[in-house]
Every structure is written in structure tokens, then in C-alpha cells.
Amino acid sequence: MIDAKARAASIEQLIVDQHGIPSPLVREYAVLQIRMLCEIIGLACLVAHGDLVASGPAHLRKAYAPGEIFAALGDMHDDFYPVPIVPQLVAPGWHMAEYDGPPFLKREEVKGLWDRCGGDLHKGSLKRLLKPNNPLQTNFADINESLGKILNLLGNHRMLRKDRKIAFIAMLSNAAGAVQVEIGEAIEPEDTAGD
């Protein structure tokens, strides 16, 4: 999470103040960081579900491509992907309310975004190489959209273990501005029907 936060902040900072760096290079840097963020999401899923990885296919321990990771984990646990939440302090602990905010990066979008970023990082064909240079960019709408979806996903999220009783809860910025990751156990709400 610390790595993800630093990469996202570096994209935001470089897009706002390009420091005299030509916009095609700013774009390449941002695309590389978006691709790395997709990989971080995949690798975080492996870490959170280490028990499944240990008993799963051997190739999974060497995987870094989100599509490969998600396909293997999906076969073992249908709810392995992070889900954005709204943490609410209640007695006797926390309630993870359903997220109802701007769009976030969904599981089925990660592989496509990762693939597109990979394609953008290569010079490509001679036809693409001979294409006229892109004009100066000051607004990277597609980068901002992708980064926004990633931040909406990672800002406050949970990942449920297969038993659905234990969850990893993570925040990119807690009240002190630091990354925070906790392990929580689901408890049954108290029965207040007789009150």
C-alpha cells in the first residue's frame, strides 16, 4: 500500500507540474506507474490470500500479470478482489458500509488496463514511429480517469478471506495521513429486535 500510494502521488505531482519534461515522457512515466499499480493490486491479492496461493498451482507464486493472478484466484475463491468500503465506527467496532462513490477499478477492468499500458510503453510499428509527434499535453484525461478509479478502489477497501470471517481492511490515508492495514474479524450484529 505504501508503494501504491507513492506511485499514485508521483503521477499526480508530475502531471500537475511537468518540471519542463516533454509531455510524451510525462505520459510514458504515468502509464508505467499505472501498469505497476495494476500489478500491485494483483500481488496484494496474492499476499492477502497466501493460504490459497500455498495450495494452488505452483506458477501462481511467480505470477505478476493481473490477468493470470485473477484467473487462478478466481478458481479458488470468488470474492478475492478488493472492494471499496466506507468504514464507520460503531459499537463494538467498525462497520464496513457499502461504497457508493465515483467509479472504481473493477476486477474485470484491471487486465485490460494493464495490457493497454504495456502497449503504450513500446514504440510499436514503423508506422507508429513515423507518426507526427504529439502536441504538448497539459491534460492527461485518460491517465487521470484510470488513476482516479485506482484511488477510489484502494482509498478504503477490504479483501475477504475465503471463509468470509476474516478481512484485510486497508486505507491509503488514515486520519494521520499514513497508510493503514488491519485484519478484522466479522462479528454477528447484536439482536435488538426485542428492544
N, C-alpha and C. Protein backbone atom coordinates (compact mmCIF):
# COMPACT_ATOMS: atom_id res chain seq x y z
N MET A 1 0.82 -1.19 0.00
CA MET A 1 0.00 0.00 0.00
C MET A 1 0.87 1.26 0.00
N ILE A 2 1.98 1.22 0.71
CA ILE A 2 2.87 2.38 0.73
C ILE A 2 3.42 2.63 -0.66
N ASP A 3 3.80 1.56 -1.34
CA ASP A 3 4.31 1.67 -2.71
C ASP A 3 3.23 2.22 -3.64
N ALA A 4 2.00 1.72 -3.51
CA ALA A 4 0.89 2.19 -4.35
C ALA A 4 0.63 3.68 -4.12
N LYS A 5 0.65 4.09 -2.87
CA LYS A 5 0.41 5.50 -2.54
C LYS A 5 1.48 6.39 -3.15
N ALA A 6 2.74 5.97 -3.04
CA ALA A 6 3.85 6.76 -3.59
C ALA A 6 3.77 6.86 -5.11
N ARG A 7 3.43 5.77 -5.76
CA ARG A 7 3.32 5.79 -7.22
C ARG A 7 2.18 6.69 -7.68
N ALA A 8 1.03 6.60 -7.01
CA ALA A 8 -0.11 7.44 -7.37
C ALA A 8 0.23 8.91 -7.15
N ALA A 9 0.87 9.24 -6.03
CA ALA A 9 1.23 10.62 -5.74
C ALA A 9 2.23 11.16 -6.76
N SER A 10 3.14 10.30 -7.21
CA SER A 10 4.13 10.75 -8.20
C SER A 10 3.48 11.07 -9.54
N ILE A 11 2.48 10.31 -9.92
CA ILE A 11 1.74 10.60 -11.16
C ILE A 11 1.05 11.94 -11.03
N GLU A 12 0.32 12.11 -9.94
CA GLU A 12 -0.43 13.37 -9.73
C GLU A 12 0.51 14.57 -9.76
N GLN A 13 1.66 14.48 -9.07
CA GLN A 13 2.59 15.58 -9.00
C GLN A 13 3.18 15.90 -10.36
N LEU A 14 3.59 14.88 -11.11
CA LEU A 14 4.22 15.11 -12.40
C LEU A 14 3.24 15.68 -13.42
N ILE A 15 2.00 15.26 -13.37
CA ILE A 15 1.01 15.79 -14.31
C ILE A 15 0.70 17.26 -14.00
N VAL A 16 0.66 17.60 -12.72
CA VAL A 16 0.37 18.99 -12.33
C VAL A 16 1.54 19.91 -12.70
N ASP A 17 2.75 19.49 -12.40
CA ASP A 17 3.94 20.30 -12.70
C ASP A 17 4.92 19.42 -13.46
N GLN A 18 4.95 19.57 -14.76
CA GLN A 18 5.75 18.69 -15.61
C GLN A 18 7.25 18.94 -15.51
N HIS A 19 7.66 19.93 -14.73
CA HIS A 19 9.08 20.21 -14.48
C HIS A 19 9.89 20.35 -15.77
N GLY A 20 9.27 20.84 -16.82
CA GLY A 20 9.98 21.01 -18.09
C GLY A 20 10.18 19.72 -18.87
N ILE A 21 9.63 18.64 -18.38
CA ILE A 21 9.76 17.34 -19.06
C ILE A 21 8.76 17.31 -20.21
N PRO A 22 9.19 16.91 -21.41
CA PRO A 22 8.26 16.85 -22.54
C PRO A 22 7.05 15.95 -22.21
N SER A 23 5.87 16.39 -22.64
CA SER A 23 4.65 15.68 -22.28
C SER A 23 4.63 14.20 -22.71
N PRO A 24 5.23 13.82 -23.85
CA PRO A 24 5.24 12.38 -24.16
C PRO A 24 5.98 11.56 -23.10
N LEU A 25 7.03 12.14 -22.50
CA LEU A 25 7.77 11.42 -21.46
C LEU A 25 6.99 11.40 -20.15
N VAL A 26 6.27 12.49 -19.87
CA VAL A 26 5.40 12.51 -18.69
C VAL A 26 4.35 11.42 -18.83
N ARG A 27 3.78 11.33 -20.03
CA ARG A 27 2.76 10.31 -20.29
C ARG A 27 3.33 8.90 -20.11
N GLU A 28 4.53 8.65 -20.67
CA GLU A 28 5.15 7.33 -20.53
C GLU A 28 5.36 6.98 -19.06
N TYR A 29 5.84 7.94 -18.28
CA TYR A 29 6.06 7.70 -16.86
C TYR A 29 4.73 7.35 -16.18
N ALA A 30 3.69 8.13 -16.45
CA ALA A 30 2.39 7.90 -15.84
C ALA A 30 1.82 6.53 -16.23
N VAL A 31 1.96 6.18 -17.50
CA VAL A 31 1.47 4.88 -17.99
C VAL A 31 2.22 3.74 -17.30
N LEU A 32 3.53 3.88 -17.15
CA LEU A 32 4.31 2.85 -16.46
C LEU A 32 3.83 2.69 -15.01
N GLN A 33 3.58 3.81 -14.34
CA GLN A 33 3.13 3.74 -12.95
C GLN A 33 1.72 3.13 -12.84
N ILE A 34 0.85 3.45 -13.78
CA ILE A 34 -0.49 2.83 -13.79
C ILE A 34 -0.34 1.32 -13.97
N ARG A 35 0.52 0.91 -14.87
CA ARG A 35 0.75 -0.53 -15.08
C ARG A 35 1.28 -1.18 -13.80
N MET A 36 2.21 -0.50 -13.14
CA MET A 36 2.75 -1.04 -11.89
C MET A 36 1.66 -1.11 -10.81
N LEU A 37 0.77 -0.13 -10.78
CA LEU A 37 -0.34 -0.16 -9.82
C LEU A 37 -1.25 -1.36 -10.07
N CYS A 38 -1.49 -1.69 -11.33
CA CYS A 38 -2.28 -2.88 -11.66
C CYS A 38 -1.59 -4.14 -11.11
N GLU A 39 -0.27 -4.20 -11.26
CA GLU A 39 0.49 -5.34 -10.75
C GLU A 39 0.45 -5.38 -9.22
N ILE A 40 0.54 -4.22 -8.59
CA ILE A 40 0.47 -4.17 -7.13
C ILE A 40 -0.87 -4.70 -6.64
N ILE A 41 -1.94 -4.36 -7.32
CA ILE A 41 -3.27 -4.87 -6.94
C ILE A 41 -3.28 -6.39 -7.04
N GLY A 42 -2.75 -6.93 -8.13
CA GLY A 42 -2.69 -8.38 -8.29
C GLY A 42 -1.83 -9.04 -7.22
N LEU A 43 -0.66 -8.48 -6.97
CA LEU A 43 0.24 -9.06 -5.97
C LEU A 43 -0.34 -8.95 -4.56
N ALA A 44 -1.05 -7.85 -4.28
CA ALA A 44 -1.70 -7.71 -2.96
C ALA A 44 -2.76 -8.79 -2.77
N CYS A 45 -3.46 -9.14 -3.83
CA CYS A 45 -4.43 -10.24 -3.74
C CYS A 45 -3.74 -11.54 -3.39
N LEU A 46 -2.56 -11.77 -3.96
CA LEU A 46 -1.80 -12.98 -3.62
C LEU A 46 -1.38 -12.98 -2.16
N VAL A 47 -0.91 -11.84 -1.68
CA VAL A 47 -0.47 -11.75 -0.29
C VAL A 47 -1.65 -11.99 0.65
N ALA A 48 -2.78 -11.33 0.40
CA ALA A 48 -3.95 -11.47 1.27
C ALA A 48 -4.49 -12.89 1.29
N HIS A 49 -4.29 -13.61 0.21
CA HIS A 49 -4.82 -14.97 0.11
C HIS A 49 -3.68 -15.99 0.02
N GLY A 50 -2.68 -15.78 0.86
CA GLY A 50 -1.49 -16.64 0.87
C GLY A 50 -1.79 -18.10 1.08
N ASP A 51 -2.83 -18.40 1.86
CA ASP A 51 -3.20 -19.80 2.08
C ASP A 51 -3.64 -20.46 0.78
N LEU A 52 -4.36 -19.71 -0.05
CA LEU A 52 -4.80 -20.26 -1.34
C LEU A 52 -3.61 -20.40 -2.29
N VAL A 53 -2.71 -19.44 -2.25
CA VAL A 53 -1.53 -19.48 -3.11
C VAL A 53 -0.68 -20.69 -2.75
N ALA A 54 -0.51 -20.95 -1.44
CA ALA A 54 0.30 -22.09 -0.99
C ALA A 54 -0.25 -23.42 -1.48
N SER A 55 -1.58 -23.51 -1.56
CA SER A 55 -2.19 -24.78 -2.00
C SER A 55 -2.56 -24.77 -3.48
N GLY A 56 -2.35 -23.64 -4.15
CA GLY A 56 -2.73 -23.50 -5.55
C GLY A 56 -1.62 -23.94 -6.50
N PRO A 57 -1.81 -23.63 -7.79
CA PRO A 57 -0.81 -24.02 -8.79
C PRO A 57 0.53 -23.34 -8.53
N ALA A 58 1.61 -24.07 -8.78
CA ALA A 58 2.96 -23.58 -8.50
C ALA A 58 3.28 -22.29 -9.25
N HIS A 59 2.79 -22.14 -10.48
CA HIS A 59 3.10 -20.96 -11.28
C HIS A 59 2.57 -19.67 -10.66
N LEU A 60 1.60 -19.80 -9.77
CA LEU A 60 0.99 -18.62 -9.15
C LEU A 60 1.99 -17.87 -8.27
N ARG A 61 2.94 -18.58 -7.67
CA ARG A 61 3.92 -17.93 -6.81
C ARG A 61 4.92 -17.08 -7.59
N LYS A 62 4.98 -17.27 -8.90
CA LYS A 62 5.88 -16.48 -9.74
C LYS A 62 5.13 -15.47 -10.59
N ALA A 63 3.81 -15.47 -10.51
CA ALA A 63 2.98 -14.62 -11.37
C ALA A 63 3.07 -13.15 -10.96
N TYR A 64 2.98 -12.28 -11.95
CA TYR A 64 2.90 -10.83 -11.70
C TYR A 64 1.83 -10.19 -12.57
N ALA A 65 1.40 -10.87 -13.62
CA ALA A 65 0.38 -10.34 -14.53
C ALA A 65 -0.99 -10.47 -13.88
N PRO A 66 -1.72 -9.36 -13.72
CA PRO A 66 -3.01 -9.42 -13.04
C PRO A 66 -3.99 -10.43 -13.64
N GLY A 67 -4.05 -10.55 -14.95
CA GLY A 67 -4.98 -11.49 -15.56
C GLY A 67 -4.72 -12.92 -15.13
N GLU A 68 -3.46 -13.31 -15.11
CA GLU A 68 -3.07 -14.65 -14.69
C GLU A 68 -3.40 -14.86 -13.20
N ILE A 69 -3.08 -13.88 -12.38
CA ILE A 69 -3.35 -13.97 -10.95
C ILE A 69 -4.85 -14.09 -10.69
N PHE A 70 -5.64 -13.21 -11.33
CA PHE A 70 -7.08 -13.19 -11.07
C PHE A 70 -7.75 -14.46 -11.56
N ALA A 71 -7.30 -15.00 -12.68
CA ALA A 71 -7.89 -16.25 -13.18
C ALA A 71 -7.67 -17.38 -12.19
N ALA A 72 -6.45 -17.50 -11.68
CA ALA A 72 -6.14 -18.58 -10.74
C ALA A 72 -6.87 -18.38 -9.41
N LEU A 73 -6.83 -17.17 -8.86
CA LEU A 73 -7.51 -16.93 -7.58
C LEU A 73 -9.02 -17.08 -7.73
N GLY A 74 -9.56 -16.64 -8.85
CA GLY A 74 -11.00 -16.74 -9.08
C GLY A 74 -11.49 -18.17 -9.07
N ASP A 75 -10.64 -19.10 -9.50
CA ASP A 75 -11.00 -20.52 -9.48
C ASP A 75 -11.06 -21.05 -8.05
N MET A 76 -10.34 -20.40 -7.12
CA MET A 76 -10.27 -20.89 -5.74
C MET A 76 -11.19 -20.13 -4.78
N HIS A 77 -11.49 -18.85 -5.12
CA HIS A 77 -12.27 -18.01 -4.20
C HIS A 77 -12.91 -16.90 -5.02
N ASP A 78 -14.22 -16.90 -5.11
CA ASP A 78 -14.91 -15.96 -6.00
C ASP A 78 -14.90 -14.51 -5.52
N ASP A 79 -14.57 -14.27 -4.25
CA ASP A 79 -14.61 -12.91 -3.70
C ASP A 79 -13.23 -12.47 -3.19
N PHE A 80 -12.19 -12.72 -3.97
CA PHE A 80 -10.82 -12.42 -3.53
C PHE A 80 -10.42 -10.97 -3.79
N TYR A 81 -11.12 -10.28 -4.69
CA TYR A 81 -10.71 -8.95 -5.16
C TYR A 81 -11.06 -7.87 -4.13
N PRO A 82 -10.25 -6.83 -4.01
CA PRO A 82 -10.58 -5.75 -3.08
C PRO A 82 -11.91 -5.08 -3.43
N VAL A 83 -12.61 -4.65 -2.41
CA VAL A 83 -13.89 -3.97 -2.57
C VAL A 83 -13.81 -2.66 -1.80
N PRO A 84 -14.10 -1.53 -2.46
CA PRO A 84 -14.08 -0.28 -1.72
C PRO A 84 -15.19 -0.25 -0.66
N ILE A 85 -14.88 0.37 0.45
CA ILE A 85 -15.82 0.44 1.57
C ILE A 85 -15.82 1.84 2.17
N VAL A 86 -16.79 2.06 3.05
CA VAL A 86 -16.83 3.29 3.85
C VAL A 86 -16.78 2.83 5.31
N PRO A 87 -15.61 2.94 5.96
CA PRO A 87 -15.52 2.49 7.36
C PRO A 87 -16.30 3.43 8.28
N GLN A 88 -17.10 2.85 9.15
CA GLN A 88 -17.89 3.63 10.10
C GLN A 88 -17.69 3.04 11.49
N LEU A 89 -17.29 3.90 12.44
CA LEU A 89 -17.08 3.45 13.81
C LEU A 89 -18.42 3.25 14.50
N VAL A 90 -18.66 2.03 14.97
CA VAL A 90 -19.88 1.68 15.69
C VAL A 90 -19.48 0.81 16.88
N ALA A 91 -20.37 0.70 17.86
CA ALA A 91 -20.08 -0.19 18.99
C ALA A 91 -20.40 -1.61 18.55
N PRO A 92 -19.58 -2.57 18.74
CA PRO A 92 -18.33 -2.62 19.47
C PRO A 92 -17.10 -2.50 18.57
N GLY A 93 -17.22 -2.07 17.36
CA GLY A 93 -16.06 -2.00 16.47
C GLY A 93 -16.34 -1.13 15.26
N TRP A 94 -16.08 -1.68 14.11
CA TRP A 94 -16.26 -0.94 12.85
C TRP A 94 -17.28 -1.65 11.98
N HIS A 95 -18.02 -0.85 11.25
CA HIS A 95 -18.93 -1.38 10.22
C HIS A 95 -18.36 -0.95 8.87
N MET A 96 -18.26 -1.88 7.96
CA MET A 96 -17.74 -1.58 6.63
C MET A 96 -18.91 -1.36 5.70
N ALA A 97 -19.36 -0.11 5.63
CA ALA A 97 -20.52 0.23 4.82
C ALA A 97 -20.20 0.12 3.34
N GLU A 98 -21.23 -0.11 2.57
CA GLU A 98 -21.08 -0.25 1.12
C GLU A 98 -20.66 1.08 0.50
N TYR A 99 -19.70 1.01 -0.40
CA TYR A 99 -19.20 2.17 -1.12
C TYR A 99 -20.22 2.59 -2.16
N ASP A 100 -20.50 3.88 -2.22
CA ASP A 100 -21.45 4.39 -3.20
C ASP A 100 -20.90 5.70 -3.78
N GLY A 101 -19.64 5.65 -4.20
CA GLY A 101 -18.98 6.85 -4.69
C GLY A 101 -18.70 6.77 -6.18
N PRO A 102 -17.73 7.57 -6.63
CA PRO A 102 -17.36 7.57 -8.05
C PRO A 102 -16.85 6.20 -8.49
N PRO A 103 -16.78 5.98 -9.79
CA PRO A 103 -16.35 4.66 -10.31
C PRO A 103 -14.98 4.25 -9.76
N PHE A 104 -14.85 2.96 -9.51
CA PHE A 104 -13.57 2.39 -9.07
C PHE A 104 -13.15 1.32 -10.07
N LEU A 105 -11.88 0.92 -10.00
CA LEU A 105 -11.34 -0.07 -10.92
C LEU A 105 -11.88 -1.45 -10.55
N LYS A 106 -12.67 -2.00 -11.42
CA LYS A 106 -13.28 -3.31 -11.18
C LYS A 106 -12.33 -4.41 -11.63
N ARG A 107 -12.54 -5.56 -11.05
CA ARG A 107 -11.69 -6.73 -11.33
C ARG A 107 -11.56 -6.99 -12.84
N GLU A 108 -12.68 -6.91 -13.55
CA GLU A 108 -12.66 -7.23 -14.98
C GLU A 108 -11.98 -6.15 -15.82
N GLU A 109 -11.69 -5.00 -15.25
CA GLU A 109 -11.03 -3.92 -15.97
C GLU A 109 -9.51 -3.93 -15.84
N VAL A 110 -9.01 -4.59 -14.80
CA VAL A 110 -7.58 -4.50 -14.49
C VAL A 110 -6.72 -5.07 -15.61
N LYS A 111 -7.04 -6.25 -16.10
CA LYS A 111 -6.22 -6.87 -17.14
C LYS A 111 -6.19 -6.01 -18.39
N GLY A 112 -7.33 -5.47 -18.80
CA GLY A 112 -7.38 -4.63 -19.99
C GLY A 112 -6.55 -3.36 -19.83
N LEU A 113 -6.62 -2.74 -18.65
CA LEU A 113 -5.82 -1.54 -18.39
C LEU A 113 -4.33 -1.88 -18.40
N TRP A 114 -3.97 -2.98 -17.76
CA TRP A 114 -2.57 -3.43 -17.73
C TRP A 114 -2.07 -3.70 -19.15
N ASP A 115 -2.87 -4.37 -19.96
CA ASP A 115 -2.50 -4.66 -21.35
C ASP A 115 -2.31 -3.37 -22.17
N ARG A 116 -3.26 -2.43 -22.04
CA ARG A 116 -3.16 -1.16 -22.77
C ARG A 116 -1.90 -0.40 -22.39
N CYS A 117 -1.62 -0.38 -21.10
CA CYS A 117 -0.41 0.32 -20.64
C CYS A 117 0.83 -0.33 -21.23
N GLY A 118 0.87 -1.64 -21.28
CA GLY A 118 2.01 -2.34 -21.88
C GLY A 118 2.19 -1.96 -23.33
N GLY A 119 1.09 -1.88 -24.07
CA GLY A 119 1.16 -1.49 -25.48
C GLY A 119 1.64 -0.06 -25.65
N ASP A 120 1.23 0.84 -24.74
CA ASP A 120 1.64 2.24 -24.82
C ASP A 120 3.11 2.44 -24.52
N LEU A 121 3.73 1.50 -23.82
CA LEU A 121 5.12 1.67 -23.41
C LEU A 121 6.12 1.23 -24.47
N HIS A 122 5.64 0.72 -25.59
CA HIS A 122 6.53 0.27 -26.65
C HIS A 122 6.42 1.21 -27.85
N LYS A 123 7.51 1.38 -28.54
CA LYS A 123 7.50 2.23 -29.73
C LYS A 123 6.55 1.68 -30.79
N GLY A 124 6.43 0.37 -30.84
CA GLY A 124 5.48 -0.23 -31.77
C GLY A 124 6.03 -0.33 -33.18
N SER A 125 5.14 -0.27 -34.13
CA SER A 125 5.48 -0.48 -35.54
C SER A 125 6.17 0.75 -36.13
N LEU A 126 6.73 0.57 -37.32
CA LEU A 126 7.34 1.67 -38.04
C LEU A 126 6.30 2.75 -38.33
N LYS A 127 5.08 2.35 -38.66
CA LYS A 127 4.01 3.31 -38.93
C LYS A 127 3.77 4.20 -37.71
N ARG A 128 3.73 3.59 -36.54
CA ARG A 128 3.52 4.35 -35.31
C ARG A 128 4.72 5.24 -35.02
N LEU A 129 5.91 4.74 -35.28
CA LEU A 129 7.14 5.51 -35.04
C LEU A 129 7.20 6.75 -35.93
N LEU A 130 6.72 6.64 -37.17
CA LEU A 130 6.79 7.75 -38.12
C LEU A 130 5.63 8.73 -37.97
N LYS A 131 4.70 8.42 -37.11
CA LYS A 131 3.57 9.31 -36.86
C LYS A 131 4.09 10.63 -36.29
N PRO A 132 3.50 11.77 -36.69
CA PRO A 132 3.97 13.06 -36.17
C PRO A 132 3.93 13.09 -34.64
N ASN A 133 4.87 13.85 -34.06
CA ASN A 133 4.92 13.96 -32.60
C ASN A 133 3.62 14.52 -32.05
N ASN A 134 3.28 14.06 -30.89
CA ASN A 134 2.08 14.56 -30.23
C ASN A 134 2.32 15.98 -29.75
N PRO A 135 1.29 16.83 -29.78
CA PRO A 135 1.44 18.18 -29.27
C PRO A 135 1.62 18.17 -27.75
N LEU A 136 2.06 19.28 -27.21
CA LEU A 136 2.21 19.43 -25.77
C LEU A 136 0.88 19.13 -25.09
N GLN A 137 0.92 18.28 -24.08
CA GLN A 137 -0.28 17.92 -23.33
C GLN A 137 -0.20 18.53 -21.95
N THR A 138 -1.29 19.12 -21.52
CA THR A 138 -1.36 19.58 -20.14
C THR A 138 -2.49 18.88 -19.41
N ASN A 139 -3.33 18.17 -20.15
CA ASN A 139 -4.44 17.46 -19.55
C ASN A 139 -4.37 16.00 -20.01
N PHE A 140 -4.10 15.12 -19.08
CA PHE A 140 -3.99 13.70 -19.39
C PHE A 140 -5.27 13.02 -18.91
N ALA A 141 -6.36 13.25 -19.63
CA ALA A 141 -7.69 12.81 -19.18
C ALA A 141 -7.74 11.30 -18.94
N ASP A 142 -7.18 10.50 -19.85
CA ASP A 142 -7.24 9.05 -19.68
C ASP A 142 -6.42 8.58 -18.48
N ILE A 143 -5.28 9.22 -18.27
CA ILE A 143 -4.45 8.88 -17.11
C ILE A 143 -5.19 9.25 -15.83
N ASN A 144 -5.74 10.46 -15.79
CA ASN A 144 -6.48 10.91 -14.61
C ASN A 144 -7.68 10.00 -14.32
N GLU A 145 -8.37 9.56 -15.36
CA GLU A 145 -9.52 8.67 -15.17
C GLU A 145 -9.08 7.33 -14.58
N SER A 146 -8.04 6.73 -15.17
CA SER A 146 -7.55 5.44 -14.66
C SER A 146 -7.03 5.57 -13.23
N LEU A 147 -6.26 6.61 -12.97
CA LEU A 147 -5.71 6.81 -11.63
C LEU A 147 -6.84 7.05 -10.63
N GLY A 148 -7.84 7.82 -11.02
CA GLY A 148 -8.98 8.06 -10.14
C GLY A 148 -9.69 6.77 -9.77
N LYS A 149 -9.88 5.88 -10.74
CA LYS A 149 -10.54 4.60 -10.45
C LYS A 149 -9.69 3.75 -9.50
N ILE A 150 -8.37 3.78 -9.69
CA ILE A 150 -7.48 3.02 -8.80
C ILE A 150 -7.55 3.58 -7.38
N LEU A 151 -7.50 4.91 -7.27
CA LEU A 151 -7.55 5.53 -5.94
C LEU A 151 -8.91 5.32 -5.27
N ASN A 152 -9.98 5.30 -6.05
CA ASN A 152 -11.30 5.02 -5.48
C ASN A 152 -11.38 3.58 -4.97
N LEU A 153 -10.69 2.68 -5.63
CA LEU A 153 -10.64 1.29 -5.18
C LEU A 153 -9.80 1.15 -3.91
N LEU A 154 -8.61 1.72 -3.94
CA LEU A 154 -7.66 1.49 -2.85
C LEU A 154 -7.82 2.42 -1.66
N GLY A 155 -8.52 3.54 -1.83
CA GLY A 155 -8.65 4.52 -0.75
C GLY A 155 -9.01 3.88 0.58
N ASN A 156 -10.13 3.21 0.65
CA ASN A 156 -10.57 2.40 1.78
C ASN A 156 -11.15 1.14 1.17
N HIS A 157 -10.56 0.00 1.47
CA HIS A 157 -11.08 -1.24 0.89
C HIS A 157 -10.89 -2.41 1.84
N ARG A 158 -11.58 -3.49 1.51
CA ARG A 158 -11.43 -4.73 2.25
C ARG A 158 -11.25 -5.88 1.28
N MET A 159 -10.53 -6.90 1.74
CA MET A 159 -10.40 -8.14 0.99
C MET A 159 -10.78 -9.27 1.94
N LEU A 160 -11.81 -10.01 1.58
CA LEU A 160 -12.30 -11.11 2.41
C LEU A 160 -11.49 -12.38 2.16
N ARG A 161 -11.18 -13.06 3.24
CA ARG A 161 -10.58 -14.38 3.11
C ARG A 161 -11.67 -15.35 2.65
N LYS A 162 -11.29 -16.53 2.24
CA LYS A 162 -12.25 -17.48 1.68
C LYS A 162 -13.35 -17.86 2.68
N ASP A 163 -13.01 -17.90 3.97
CA ASP A 163 -14.02 -18.26 4.96
C ASP A 163 -15.02 -17.14 5.22
N ARG A 164 -14.77 -15.96 4.67
CA ARG A 164 -15.62 -14.77 4.78
C ARG A 164 -15.77 -14.27 6.22
N LYS A 165 -14.91 -14.73 7.12
CA LYS A 165 -14.95 -14.26 8.50
C LYS A 165 -13.81 -13.30 8.80
N ILE A 166 -12.73 -13.42 8.07
CA ILE A 166 -11.55 -12.58 8.27
C ILE A 166 -11.39 -11.70 7.03
N ALA A 167 -11.07 -10.43 7.29
CA ALA A 167 -10.86 -9.50 6.18
C ALA A 167 -9.64 -8.63 6.45
N PHE A 168 -8.95 -8.29 5.39
CA PHE A 168 -7.92 -7.27 5.45
C PHE A 168 -8.61 -5.96 5.11
N ILE A 169 -8.43 -4.97 5.96
CA ILE A 169 -9.01 -3.65 5.74
C ILE A 169 -7.84 -2.69 5.56
N ALA A 170 -7.87 -1.90 4.49
CA ALA A 170 -6.74 -1.01 4.20
C ALA A 170 -7.22 0.38 3.85
N MET A 171 -6.42 1.36 4.25
CA MET A 171 -6.66 2.77 3.92
C MET A 171 -5.38 3.34 3.35
N LEU A 172 -5.50 4.07 2.25
CA LEU A 172 -4.31 4.75 1.72
C LEU A 172 -3.89 5.89 2.63
N SER A 173 -4.85 6.56 3.26
CA SER A 173 -4.54 7.67 4.17
C SER A 173 -5.51 7.65 5.34
N ASN A 174 -4.99 7.30 6.52
CA ASN A 174 -5.83 7.36 7.72
C ASN A 174 -5.87 8.80 8.21
N ALA A 175 -6.39 9.03 9.41
CA ALA A 175 -6.53 10.39 9.94
C ALA A 175 -5.19 11.12 10.03
N ALA A 176 -4.11 10.37 10.20
CA ALA A 176 -2.77 10.96 10.28
C ALA A 176 -2.10 11.07 8.91
N GLY A 177 -2.80 10.64 7.86
CA GLY A 177 -2.25 10.70 6.51
C GLY A 177 -1.36 9.53 6.14
N ALA A 178 -1.31 8.52 7.00
CA ALA A 178 -0.46 7.35 6.76
C ALA A 178 -1.28 6.19 6.21
N VAL A 179 -0.58 5.28 5.55
CA VAL A 179 -1.21 4.03 5.10
C VAL A 179 -1.50 3.19 6.34
N GLN A 180 -2.67 2.55 6.36
CA GLN A 180 -3.03 1.70 7.48
C GLN A 180 -3.66 0.43 6.94
N VAL A 181 -3.20 -0.71 7.45
CA VAL A 181 -3.76 -2.01 7.09
C VAL A 181 -4.06 -2.76 8.38
N GLU A 182 -5.26 -3.29 8.48
CA GLU A 182 -5.69 -4.02 9.67
C GLU A 182 -6.30 -5.35 9.24
N ILE A 183 -6.34 -6.27 10.18
CA ILE A 183 -7.04 -7.53 9.98
C ILE A 183 -8.27 -7.49 10.88
N GLY A 184 -9.44 -7.75 10.31
CA GLY A 184 -10.67 -7.71 11.07
C GLY A 184 -11.39 -9.04 11.02
N GLU A 185 -12.15 -9.29 12.05
CA GLU A 185 -12.97 -10.50 12.12
C GLU A 185 -14.42 -10.09 12.15
N ALA A 186 -15.21 -10.72 11.32
CA ALA A 186 -16.64 -10.42 11.26
C ALA A 186 -17.32 -10.90 12.54
N ILE A 187 -18.19 -10.05 13.06
CA ILE A 187 -19.00 -10.46 14.21
C ILE A 187 -20.46 -10.28 13.84
N GLU A 188 -21.29 -11.10 14.43
CA GLU A 188 -22.72 -11.01 14.17
C GLU A 188 -23.27 -9.80 14.91
N PRO A 189 -24.11 -9.00 14.26
CA PRO A 189 -24.72 -7.87 14.97
C PRO A 189 -25.61 -8.38 16.10
N GLU A 190 -25.66 -7.57 17.17
CA GLU A 190 -26.50 -7.96 18.30
C GLU A 190 -27.97 -7.91 17.90
N ASP A 191 -28.74 -8.83 18.44
CA ASP A 191 -30.17 -8.87 18.15
C ASP A 191 -30.87 -7.81 19.00
N THR A 192 -31.41 -6.80 18.32
CA THR A 192 -32.10 -5.73 19.03
C THR A 192 -33.60 -5.75 18.74
N ALA A 193 -34.08 -6.85 18.21
CA ALA A 193 -35.49 -6.95 17.82
C ALA A 193 -36.42 -6.83 19.01
N GLY A 194 -35.99 -7.28 20.20
CA GLY A 194 -36.85 -7.22 21.38
C GLY A 194 -36.83 -5.89 22.08
N ASP A 195 -36.01 -4.96 21.65
CA ASP A 195 -35.90 -3.64 22.31
C ASP A 195 -37.01 -2.72 21.94
